[in-house]
């Protein structure tokens, strides 16, 4: 799977995540650059860590047609 996103796609994803999580875009961007999962809080961090530690689970998640549709919508492909 190719995850080379354009800057516009990255911004779209950061903006959507910021709104959904109630975390400033800047804070999310800084956390992503540092690999800091603590920004996601006590609820989301374990799930994010789970996918970060399990490439197979991440692949399964990303292969789900529903998740692909959401990702495609977020990055402006549909």
Protein backbone atom coordinates (compact mmCIF):
# COMPACT_ATOMS: atom_id res chain seq x y z
CA UNK A 1 0.00 0.00 0.00
CA UNK A 2 1.31 3.45 -0.94
CA UNK A 3 0.94 6.12 1.76
CA UNK A 4 2.86 8.91 0.10
CA UNK A 5 0.40 11.71 0.69
CA UNK A 6 0.59 15.16 -0.82
CA UNK A 7 0.87 18.10 1.59
CA UNK A 8 -2.77 18.93 0.84
CA UNK A 9 -3.86 15.38 1.73
CA UNK A 10 -1.81 15.48 4.93
CA UNK A 11 -3.42 18.80 5.87
CA UNK A 12 -6.90 17.42 5.18
CA UNK A 13 -6.27 14.42 7.42
CA UNK A 14 -4.77 16.57 10.19
CA UNK A 15 -7.71 19.00 10.02
CA UNK A 16 -10.28 16.17 10.16
CA UNK A 17 -8.48 14.45 13.04
CA UNK A 18 -8.18 17.75 14.89
CA UNK A 19 -11.92 18.37 14.66
CA UNK A 20 -12.83 14.79 15.57
CA UNK A 21 -10.45 14.57 18.54
CA UNK A 22 -10.77 18.14 19.77
CA UNK A 23 -7.00 18.61 19.62
CA UNK A 24 -5.38 21.55 17.87
CA UNK A 25 -3.98 20.85 14.44
CA UNK A 26 -0.57 22.14 15.51
CA UNK A 27 -0.47 19.80 18.50
CA UNK A 28 -1.37 16.82 16.30
CA UNK A 29 1.23 17.77 13.72
CA UNK A 30 3.96 18.15 16.35
CA UNK A 31 2.99 14.86 17.98
CA UNK A 32 3.07 13.08 14.61
CA UNK A 33 6.55 14.42 13.88
CA UNK A 34 7.77 13.24 17.30
CA UNK A 35 5.86 9.94 17.28
CA UNK A 36 4.14 11.03 20.51
CA UNK A 37 1.00 8.92 20.99
CA UNK A 38 0.16 10.63 24.30
CA UNK A 39 -1.61 13.39 22.40
CA UNK A 40 -4.44 10.93 21.70
CA UNK A 41 -5.29 10.60 25.36
CA UNK A 42 -6.09 7.55 27.44
CA UNK A 43 -8.86 6.30 25.16
CA UNK A 44 -7.28 6.39 21.71
CA UNK A 45 -3.61 5.87 22.56
CA UNK A 46 -3.87 2.12 23.26
CA UNK A 47 -5.63 1.52 19.94
CA UNK A 48 -3.13 3.66 18.04
CA UNK A 49 -0.28 1.86 19.81
CA UNK A 50 -1.86 -1.49 18.90
CA UNK A 51 -1.78 -0.63 15.20
CA UNK A 52 1.70 0.88 15.47
CA UNK A 53 3.00 -2.37 16.97
CA UNK A 54 1.16 -4.74 14.64
CA UNK A 55 1.70 -4.26 10.91
CA UNK A 56 -0.69 -7.14 10.22
CA UNK A 57 -3.50 -5.49 12.18
CA UNK A 58 -2.81 -2.16 10.49
CA UNK A 59 -2.91 -3.84 7.09
CA UNK A 60 -6.22 -5.53 7.98
CA UNK A 61 -7.65 -2.18 9.16
CA UNK A 62 -6.50 -0.38 6.02
CA UNK A 63 -7.77 -3.17 3.76
CA UNK A 64 -11.34 -2.89 5.05
CA UNK A 65 -13.48 -1.32 2.29
CA UNK A 66 -15.30 0.93 4.79
CA UNK A 67 -12.01 2.28 6.14
CA UNK A 68 -10.64 2.72 2.63
CA UNK A 69 -13.72 4.78 1.70
CA UNK A 70 -13.22 7.03 4.72
CA UNK A 71 -9.52 7.48 3.99
CA UNK A 72 -10.24 8.16 0.33
CA UNK A 73 -12.81 10.78 1.31
CA UNK A 74 -10.40 12.40 3.77
CA UNK A 75 -7.61 12.69 1.24
CA UNK A 76 -9.90 14.07 -1.43
CA UNK A 77 -10.21 11.06 -3.67
CA UNK A 78 -13.94 10.57 -3.53
